PDB file of N, CA and C in Angstrom:
ATOM      1  N   MET A   1     181.074 141.947  35.032  1.00  0.00           N
ATOM      2  CA  MET A   1     181.173 140.771  34.656  1.00  0.00           C
ATOM      3  C   MET A   1     179.619 140.041  34.553  1.00  0.00           C
ATOM      4  N   PRO A   2     178.618 140.701  34.327  1.00  0.00           N
ATOM      5  CA  PRO A   2     177.617 139.747  34.132  1.00  0.00           C
ATOM      6  C   PRO A   2     177.332 139.033  33.043  1.00  0.00           C
ATOM      7  N   TYR A   3     177.971 139.606  31.942  1.00  0.00           N
ATOM      8  CA  TYR A   3     177.726 138.773  30.929  1.00  0.00           C
ATOM      9  C   TYR A   3     178.346 137.690  30.698  1.00  0.00           C
ATOM     10  N   ARG A   4     179.717 137.766  31.403  1.00  0.00           N
ATOM     11  CA  ARG A   4     180.633 136.171  31.353  1.00  0.00           C
ATOM     12  C   ARG A   4     179.841 135.412  32.206  1.00  0.00           C
ATOM     13  N   ALA A   5     179.256 135.874  33.504  1.00  0.00           N
ATOM     14  CA  ALA A   5     178.487 134.844  34.312  1.00  0.00           C
ATOM     15  C   ALA A   5     177.346 134.449  33.935  1.00  0.00           C
ATOM     16  N   THR A   6     176.570 135.175  33.087  1.00  0.00           N
ATOM     17  CA  THR A   6     175.342 134.701  32.546  1.00  0.00           C
ATOM     18  C   THR A   6     175.703 133.688  31.473  1.00  0.00           C
ATOM     19  N   MET A   7     176.758 133.879  30.808  1.00  0.00           N
ATOM     20  CA  MET A   7     177.126 132.816  29.503  1.00  0.00           C
ATOM     21  C   MET A   7     177.591 131.694  30.326  1.00  0.00           C
ATOM     22  N   ALA A   8     178.356 131.865  31.361  1.00  0.00           N
ATOM     23  CA  ALA A   8     178.877 130.280  32.186  1.00  0.00           C
ATOM     24  C   ALA A   8     177.571 129.592  32.665  1.00  0.00           C
ATOM     25  N   ARG A   9     176.562 130.458  33.125  1.00  0.00           N
ATOM     26  CA  ARG A   9     175.627 129.667  33.817  1.00  0.00           C
ATOM     27  C   ARG A   9     174.702 129.153  32.816  1.00  0.00           C
ATOM     28  N   GLN A  10     174.384 130.108  31.539  1.00  0.00           N
ATOM     29  CA  GLN A  10     173.570 129.446  30.539  1.00  0.00           C
ATOM     30  C   GLN A  10     174.382 128.075  29.952  1.00  0.00           C
ATOM     31  N   VAL A  11     175.475 128.153  29.926  1.00  0.00           N
ATOM     32  CA  VAL A  11     176.178 126.843  29.208  1.00  0.00           C
ATOM     33  C   VAL A  11     175.966 125.850  30.505  1.00  0.00           C
ATOM     34  N   SER A  12     176.316 125.927  31.523  1.00  0.00           N
ATOM     35  CA  SER A  12     176.098 124.981  32.526  1.00  0.00           C
ATOM     36  C   SER A  12     174.681 124.251  32.571  1.00  0.00           C
ATOM     37  N   THR A  13     173.728 125.265  32.568  1.00  0.00           N
ATOM     38  CA  THR A  13     172.182 124.661  32.609  1.00  0.00           C
ATOM     39  C   THR A  13     171.979 123.971  31.370  1.00  0.00           C
ATOM     40  N   CYS A  14     172.767 124.403  30.309  1.00  0.00           N
ATOM     41  CA  CYS A  14     172.240 123.905  28.941  1.00  0.00           C
ATOM     42  C   CYS A  14     173.105 122.376  28.903  1.00  0.00           C
ATOM     43  N   VAL A  15     174.136 122.177  29.449  1.00  0.00           N
ATOM     44  CA  VAL A  15     174.666 120.947  29.558  1.00  0.00           C
ATOM     45  C   VAL A  15     174.220 119.930  30.681  1.00  0.00           C
ATOM     46  N   PHE A  16     173.681 120.730  31.661  1.00  0.00           N
ATOM     47  CA  PHE A  16     173.132 119.896  32.688  1.00  0.00           C
ATOM     48  C   PHE A  16     171.682 119.516  32.704  1.00  0.00           C
ATOM     49  N   ASP A  17     170.764 120.518  32.193  1.00  0.00           N
ATOM     50  CA  ASP A  17     169.248 120.677  32.059  1.00  0.00           C
ATOM     51  C   ASP A  17     168.722 120.257  30.750  1.00  0.00           C
ATOM     52  N   SER A  18     169.407 120.834  29.915  1.00  0.00           N
ATOM     53  CA  SER A  18     168.867 120.818  28.564  1.00  0.00           C
ATOM     54  C   SER A  18     168.661 119.289  27.800  1.00  0.00           C
ATOM     55  N   HIS A  19     169.548 118.689  28.323  1.00  0.00           N
ATOM     56  CA  HIS A  19     169.606 117.165  27.926  1.00  0.00           C
ATOM     57  C   HIS A  19     168.782 116.507  28.778  1.00  0.00           C
ATOM     58  N   SER A  20     168.805 116.220  29.999  1.00  0.00           N
ATOM     59  CA  SER A  20     167.956 115.374  30.939  1.00  0.00           C
ATOM     60  C   SER A  20     168.213 115.288  32.070  1.00  0.00           C
ATOM     61  N   GLY A  21     168.662 116.637  32.577  1.00  0.00           N
ATOM     62  CA  GLY A  21     168.781 116.969  34.017  1.00  0.00           C
ATOM     63  C   GLY A  21     170.206 116.090  34.308  1.00  0.00           C
ATOM     64  N   LYS A  22     170.824 115.609  33.694  1.00  0.00           N
ATOM     65  CA  LYS A  22     172.054 115.020  33.849  1.00  0.00           C
ATOM     66  C   LYS A  22     173.183 115.592  33.454  1.00  0.00           C
ATOM     67  N   PRO A  23     174.620 115.476  34.049  1.00  0.00           N
ATOM     68  CA  PRO A  23     175.690 116.031  33.474  1.00  0.00           C
ATOM     69  C   PRO A  23     176.230 115.423  32.323  1.00  0.00           C
ATOM     70  N   ARG A  24     176.315 116.079  31.310  1.00  0.00           N
ATOM     71  CA  ARG A  24     177.080 115.369  30.206  1.00  0.00           C
ATOM     72  C   ARG A  24     178.523 115.602  30.074  1.00  0.00           C
ATOM     73  N   GLY A  25     179.090 116.102  30.949  1.00  0.00           N
ATOM     74  CA  GLY A  25     180.527 116.580  30.809  1.00  0.00           C
ATOM     75  C   GLY A  25     181.060 117.630  29.819  1.00  0.00           C
TER      76      GLY A  25
END
């Protein structure tokens, strides 16, 4: 399940760090 884990991690990082280091919900 490395693919799902990577996808979830990428989404979390994208929503958290990709914006401004703040959680966008």
